[in-house]
Amino acid sequence: MTATYGISGGRRQSEREDIHYAATVDDLITRASKDCEAHKPRRTAETPAASAPERPAPSHTQPSPAHQVIGRLKIRTVTVSTTDTEVTANVMLTRGEDTYAREARGQASGAKGMLRLVAEATAGAASDSMEPDYAVVVDEVVFQTIGEDDVITVTVTFITPRWSARQAGSAVVRRGDAMRAAAAAVLAATNRLIESVFST
């Protein structure tokens, strides 16, 4: 006698072509689970989030070139020579590699006269460093003692094509060199004005 076993309510052997004959209940459950997974609708691949549009790199505006300063005049040499009747003062100024030299002559009239000649030579050299319509003219030279220091003050007139201005500059006498202090006083009065007028 031959008998066929199956799950209650199931199909006949001839209808269950996909099922192994010796499959256990666990095997059938496993196969059914796999079959269910196989027939599930597949998820469409997730569309990657649209990347944010690239922002253009910020454009950096080139800074405008800084104002060019012509630089201050500096003293290179101050020399004074005398004879019985005449005094000659020579002053050389520099700005970078440029040099400006002037000479002033006058009658021998003591130390104050020498200081003025040095101041005038310095003012002339400073004038040479500018355009032809600009000039520095010495008005007054004062020697005074303040405390323990000897100080020379020079008053000048700074002349331009459109205006003129009086300026004063002072310098302390160092190492007893009053002549160099007189030249330094002129530059103290004029350097800043020259820079402001001719810097671009």
Protein backbone atom coordinates (compact mmCIF):
# COMPACT_ATOMS: atom_id res chain seq x y z
CA MET A 1 0.00 0.00 0.00
CA THR A 2 1.38 3.38 -0.98
CA ALA A 3 0.46 6.68 0.75
CA THR A 4 1.31 10.31 -0.07
CA TYR A 5 1.77 12.85 2.72
CA GLY A 6 1.28 16.59 2.46
CA ILE A 7 0.11 19.64 4.39
CA SER A 8 -3.58 19.81 5.13
CA GLY A 9 -5.37 21.93 2.61
CA GLY A 10 -2.40 21.83 0.22
CA ARG A 11 -2.40 20.96 -3.46
CA ARG A 12 -1.82 17.48 -4.78
CA GLN A 13 1.58 16.18 -5.62
CA SER A 14 1.10 16.69 -9.29
CA GLU A 15 0.26 20.39 -8.72
CA ARG A 16 3.24 21.16 -6.51
CA GLU A 17 6.01 21.08 -9.00
CA ASP A 18 8.11 23.64 -7.14
CA ILE A 19 8.14 21.77 -3.83
CA HIS A 20 10.66 19.07 -2.96
CA TYR A 21 8.88 15.89 -2.05
CA ALA A 22 10.82 15.27 1.11
CA ALA A 23 10.62 18.86 2.30
CA THR A 24 9.80 19.35 5.93
CA VAL A 25 7.45 21.99 7.23
CA ASP A 26 10.43 24.22 8.11
CA ASP A 27 11.80 23.87 4.60
CA LEU A 28 8.48 24.90 3.13
CA ILE A 29 8.25 27.95 5.35
CA THR A 30 11.79 28.96 4.39
CA ARG A 31 11.06 28.56 0.68
CA ALA A 32 7.83 30.49 0.99
CA SER A 33 9.67 33.33 2.71
CA LYS A 34 12.31 33.43 -0.04
CA ASP A 35 9.61 33.32 -2.72
CA CYS A 36 7.84 36.23 -1.04
CA GLU A 37 11.03 38.25 -0.93
CA ALA A 38 11.72 37.48 -4.58
CA HIS A 39 8.33 38.81 -5.65
CA LYS A 40 8.45 42.00 -3.62
CA PRO A 41 8.71 45.13 -5.76
CA ARG A 42 12.26 46.34 -5.81
CA ARG A 43 12.96 49.75 -4.43
CA THR A 44 14.12 52.20 -6.96
CA ALA A 45 17.55 53.52 -6.28
CA GLU A 46 17.39 56.65 -4.25
CA THR A 47 18.11 59.66 -6.32
CA PRO A 48 20.99 61.47 -4.73
CA ALA A 49 20.06 64.83 -3.40
CA ALA A 50 20.72 67.49 -5.89
CA SER A 51 23.95 69.14 -4.95
CA ALA A 52 23.76 72.79 -4.29
CA PRO A 53 24.99 74.84 -7.21
CA GLU A 54 28.58 75.83 -6.80
CA ARG A 55 28.99 79.39 -5.77
CA PRO A 56 31.49 81.35 -7.74
CA ALA A 57 34.59 82.18 -5.81
CA PRO A 58 34.38 85.66 -4.40
CA SER A 59 36.27 88.09 -6.50
CA HIS A 60 38.85 90.03 -4.59
CA THR A 61 39.24 93.58 -5.71
CA GLN A 62 42.83 94.55 -5.83
CA PRO A 63 43.48 97.35 -3.35
CA SER A 64 44.40 100.61 -4.86
CA PRO A 65 48.10 101.25 -4.63
CA ALA A 66 49.13 103.01 -1.49
CA HIS A 67 50.10 106.65 -1.67
CA GLN A 68 53.70 106.93 -2.66
CA VAL A 69 55.70 109.05 -0.28
CA ILE A 70 58.73 110.76 -1.75
CA GLY A 71 60.65 110.51 1.51
CA ARG A 72 62.33 113.09 3.68
CA LEU A 73 65.45 115.04 2.96
CA LYS A 74 68.45 114.12 5.08
CA ILE A 75 71.67 115.95 5.82
CA ARG A 76 74.79 114.45 4.30
CA THR A 77 77.36 117.19 4.90
CA VAL A 78 77.54 120.70 6.33
CA THR A 79 80.79 122.61 5.92
CA VAL A 80 81.68 126.20 6.72
CA SER A 81 84.85 127.91 5.60
CA THR A 82 85.94 131.43 6.53
CA THR A 83 88.37 134.06 5.46
CA ASP A 84 89.07 137.41 7.05
CA THR A 85 86.12 138.96 5.30
CA GLU A 86 83.89 136.16 3.99
CA VAL A 87 82.08 133.04 5.14
CA THR A 88 81.05 130.21 2.79
CA ALA A 89 78.55 127.57 3.84
CA ASN A 90 78.05 124.37 1.83
CA VAL A 91 75.19 121.99 2.55
CA MET A 92 74.43 118.69 0.82
CA LEU A 93 71.09 116.96 1.30
CA THR A 94 70.01 113.51 0.13
CA ARG A 95 66.75 111.73 -0.61
CA GLY A 96 67.34 108.13 -1.51
CA GLU A 97 70.06 108.17 -4.16
CA ASP A 98 69.47 111.80 -5.12
CA THR A 99 71.66 114.60 -3.78
CA TYR A 100 71.03 118.34 -3.61
CA ALA A 101 73.83 120.76 -2.79
CA ARG A 102 73.83 124.51 -2.30
CA GLU A 103 76.35 127.15 -1.29
CA ALA A 104 75.73 130.44 0.50
CA ARG A 105 78.26 133.24 0.90
CA GLY A 106 78.28 136.29 3.13
CA GLN A 107 80.39 138.69 5.08
CA ALA A 108 82.02 137.43 8.22
CA SER A 109 79.78 138.73 10.96
CA GLY A 110 80.11 136.32 13.83
CA ALA A 111 78.47 133.03 14.75
CA LYS A 112 74.92 134.23 14.10
CA GLY A 113 75.83 135.17 10.53
CA MET A 114 77.34 131.73 9.98
CA LEU A 115 74.17 130.05 11.23
CA ARG A 116 72.07 132.06 8.83
CA LEU A 117 74.27 131.20 5.87
CA VAL A 118 73.98 127.51 6.74
CA ALA A 119 70.20 127.87 6.99
CA GLU A 120 70.08 129.63 3.61
CA ALA A 121 72.23 126.98 1.95
CA THR A 122 69.96 124.29 3.39
CA ALA A 123 66.84 126.11 2.18
CA GLY A 124 68.38 126.39 -1.28
CA ALA A 125 69.15 122.67 -1.42
CA ALA A 126 65.61 121.89 -0.27
CA SER A 127 64.26 124.15 -3.02
CA ASP A 128 66.34 122.27 -5.59
CA SER A 129 64.64 119.03 -4.51
CA MET A 130 61.26 120.41 -5.62
CA GLU A 131 59.78 121.64 -8.87
CA PRO A 132 60.93 125.07 -10.15
CA ASP A 133 57.86 126.97 -8.91
CA TYR A 134 58.42 125.86 -5.30
CA ALA A 135 60.91 127.36 -2.89
CA VAL A 136 61.96 127.66 0.74
CA VAL A 137 63.10 131.08 1.97
CA VAL A 138 64.71 131.70 5.35
CA ASP A 139 63.08 134.42 7.43
CA GLU A 140 64.79 134.24 10.82
CA VAL A 141 67.37 132.22 12.71
CA VAL A 142 67.32 132.22 16.52
CA PHE A 143 69.89 130.69 18.85
CA GLN A 144 68.68 130.16 22.41
CA THR A 145 69.46 128.14 25.51
CA ILE A 146 66.62 126.16 27.05
CA GLY A 147 67.61 124.54 30.32
CA GLU A 148 70.88 122.80 29.65
CA ASP A 149 70.39 122.59 25.88
CA ASP A 150 71.30 125.00 23.12
CA VAL A 151 68.47 125.13 20.58
CA ILE A 152 68.36 126.68 17.12
CA THR A 153 65.01 127.71 15.69
CA VAL A 154 64.60 128.67 12.04
CA THR A 155 61.50 130.31 10.59
CA VAL A 156 60.97 129.87 6.84
CA THR A 157 58.38 130.69 4.20
CA PHE A 158 57.30 127.75 2.07
CA ILE A 159 56.29 129.06 -1.36
CA THR A 160 54.10 127.25 -3.93
CA PRO A 161 52.42 128.52 -7.13
CA ARG A 162 49.08 128.86 -5.29
CA TRP A 163 49.90 129.62 -1.68
CA SER A 164 52.66 130.26 0.82
CA ALA A 165 53.00 129.36 4.47
CA ARG A 166 55.35 130.25 7.30
CA GLN A 167 56.81 127.35 9.20
CA ALA A 168 59.23 127.05 12.11
CA GLY A 169 61.53 124.22 13.02
CA SER A 170 63.91 123.65 15.91
CA ALA A 171 66.88 121.42 16.55
CA VAL A 172 69.01 120.81 19.62
CA VAL A 173 72.73 121.38 19.22
CA ARG A 174 74.46 117.99 19.47
CA ARG A 175 78.17 117.63 20.27
CA GLY A 176 78.65 121.36 19.93
CA ASP A 177 77.83 121.32 16.18
CA ALA A 178 75.60 124.38 15.89
CA MET A 179 75.99 124.52 12.09
CA ARG A 180 74.49 121.08 11.59
CA ALA A 181 71.71 121.99 14.04
CA ALA A 182 70.86 125.02 11.88
CA ALA A 183 70.49 122.77 8.83
CA ALA A 184 68.40 120.30 10.84
CA ALA A 185 66.10 123.11 11.98
CA VAL A 186 65.36 124.06 8.35
CA LEU A 187 64.47 120.46 7.51
CA ALA A 188 62.31 120.25 10.62
CA ALA A 189 60.34 123.20 9.26
CA THR A 190 60.03 121.99 5.67
CA ASN A 191 60.23 118.20 5.36
CA ARG A 192 56.63 117.53 6.29
CA LEU A 193 55.33 120.18 3.88
CA ILE A 194 57.46 118.85 1.04
CA GLU A 195 56.16 115.33 1.67
CA SER A 196 52.52 116.41 1.77
CA VAL A 197 52.79 118.47 -1.43
CA PHE A 198 54.74 116.02 -3.59
CA SER A 199 53.56 112.61 -2.37
CA THR A 200 51.10 110.94 -4.78
